[in-house]
C-alpha atoms as a PDB file:
ATOM      1  CA  UNK A   1     -27.362   2.661 -15.986  1.00  0.00           C
ATOM      2  CA  UNK A   2     -27.695   1.024 -12.615  1.00  0.00           C
ATOM      3  CA  UNK A   3     -25.734   2.560  -9.763  1.00  0.00           C
ATOM      4  CA  UNK A   4     -22.447   0.837  -9.474  1.00  0.00           C
ATOM      5  CA  UNK A   5     -19.821   0.729  -6.745  1.00  0.00           C
ATOM      6  CA  UNK A   6     -16.047  -0.340  -7.246  1.00  0.00           C
ATOM      7  CA  UNK A   7     -13.322  -0.876  -5.091  1.00  0.00           C
ATOM      8  CA  UNK A   8     -10.290   0.596  -6.207  1.00  0.00           C
ATOM      9  CA  UNK A   9      -6.388   0.166  -5.817  1.00  0.00           C
ATOM     10  CA  UNK A  10      -4.065   3.352  -5.964  1.00  0.00           C
ATOM     11  CA  UNK A  11      -3.071   2.697  -9.722  1.00  0.00           C
ATOM     12  CA  UNK A  12      -6.065   3.885 -11.370  1.00  0.00           C
ATOM     13  CA  UNK A  13      -6.849   6.825  -9.203  1.00  0.00           C
ATOM     14  CA  UNK A  14      -3.201   8.100  -9.795  1.00  0.00           C
ATOM     15  CA  UNK A  15      -3.627   7.331 -13.528  1.00  0.00           C
ATOM     16  CA  UNK A  16      -6.772   9.352 -13.709  1.00  0.00           C
ATOM     17  CA  UNK A  17      -5.527  12.268 -11.344  1.00  0.00           C
ATOM     18  CA  UNK A  18      -2.389  12.592 -13.722  1.00  0.00           C
ATOM     19  CA  UNK A  19      -4.579  13.385 -16.756  1.00  0.00           C
ATOM     20  CA  UNK A  20      -6.801  15.446 -14.806  1.00  0.00           C
ATOM     21  CA  UNK A  21      -9.691  13.199 -15.394  1.00  0.00           C
ATOM     22  CA  UNK A  22     -10.478  11.902 -12.002  1.00  0.00           C
ATOM     23  CA  UNK A  23     -14.043  13.043 -12.281  1.00  0.00           C
ATOM     24  CA  UNK A  24     -14.629  10.567 -15.157  1.00  0.00           C
ATOM     25  CA  UNK A  25     -14.629   7.765 -12.425  1.00  0.00           C
ATOM     26  CA  UNK A  26     -17.576   9.501 -10.556  1.00  0.00           C
ATOM     27  CA  UNK A  27     -19.382   9.588 -13.834  1.00  0.00           C
ATOM     28  CA  UNK A  28     -19.132   6.118 -14.381  1.00  0.00           C
ATOM     29  CA  UNK A  29     -19.506   4.973 -10.864  1.00  0.00           C
ATOM     30  CA  UNK A  30     -21.884   6.113  -7.848  1.00  0.00           C
ATOM     31  CA  UNK A  31     -19.291   5.476  -5.378  1.00  0.00           C
ATOM     32  CA  UNK A  32     -15.754   4.228  -5.106  1.00  0.00           C
ATOM     33  CA  UNK A  33     -14.359   2.662  -1.969  1.00  0.00           C
ATOM     34  CA  UNK A  34     -10.587   2.361  -1.095  1.00  0.00           C
ATOM     35  CA  UNK A  35      -8.944   1.390   1.939  1.00  0.00           C
ATOM     36  CA  UNK A  36      -6.964   3.758   4.300  1.00  0.00           C
ATOM     37  CA  UNK A  37      -3.809   2.224   2.817  1.00  0.00           C
ATOM     38  CA  UNK A  38      -4.617   3.369  -0.760  1.00  0.00           C
ATOM     39  CA  UNK A  39      -5.699   6.756   0.371  1.00  0.00           C
ATOM     40  CA  UNK A  40      -2.278   7.210   1.995  1.00  0.00           C
ATOM     41  CA  UNK A  41      -0.431   5.833  -0.987  1.00  0.00           C
ATOM     42  CA  UNK A  42      -2.447   8.134  -3.276  1.00  0.00           C
ATOM     43  CA  UNK A  43      -1.109  11.092  -1.110  1.00  0.00           C
ATOM     44  CA  UNK A  44      -3.618  14.026  -2.187  1.00  0.00           C
ATOM     45  CA  UNK A  45      -6.965  14.566  -0.660  1.00  0.00           C
ATOM     46  CA  UNK A  46      -9.626  12.418  -2.289  1.00  0.00           C
ATOM     47  CA  UNK A  47     -12.752  13.706  -3.312  1.00  0.00           C
ATOM     48  CA  UNK A  48     -16.028  13.077  -1.175  1.00  0.00           C
ATOM     49  CA  UNK A  49     -17.497  10.550  -3.540  1.00  0.00           C
ATOM     50  CA  UNK A  50     -14.596   8.224  -2.850  1.00  0.00           C
ATOM     51  CA  UNK A  51     -15.230   6.522   0.583  1.00  0.00           C
ATOM     52  CA  UNK A  52     -12.598   5.205   2.622  1.00  0.00           C
ATOM     53  CA  UNK A  53     -13.174   2.161   4.574  1.00  0.00           C
ATOM     54  CA  UNK A  54     -11.227  -0.530   6.582  1.00  0.00           C
ATOM     55  CA  UNK A  55     -11.151  -4.030   5.159  1.00  0.00           C
ATOM     56  CA  UNK A  56     -13.480  -6.055   7.360  1.00  0.00           C
ATOM     57  CA  UNK A  57     -12.140  -9.545   6.524  1.00  0.00           C
ATOM     58  CA  UNK A  58      -8.234  -9.232   7.176  1.00  0.00           C
ATOM     59  CA  UNK A  59      -7.977 -12.905   5.893  1.00  0.00           C
ATOM     60  CA  UNK A  60      -8.955 -11.753   2.232  1.00  0.00           C
ATOM     61  CA  UNK A  61      -6.258  -8.780   2.021  1.00  0.00           C
ATOM     62  CA  UNK A  62      -3.710 -11.141   1.160  1.00  0.00           C
ATOM     63  CA  UNK A  63      -5.482 -13.350  -1.287  1.00  0.00           C
ATOM     64  CA  UNK A  64      -4.146 -11.325  -4.441  1.00  0.00           C
ATOM     65  CA  UNK A  65      -0.500 -11.768  -3.259  1.00  0.00           C
END
């Protein structure tokens, strides 16, 4: 399976954390990228394989709203 990277929102991280299965995401994806806002909303410390990055194109942040 090729290495895959996903960009996640808080919902999936909280759902997997609630069932004590956050590690399953690491098995499926080499790396997960979240924004600082997602990290803050998650609340707990994130594992080292979840990378926190600022959005480089702020115009695209609101494209889903």
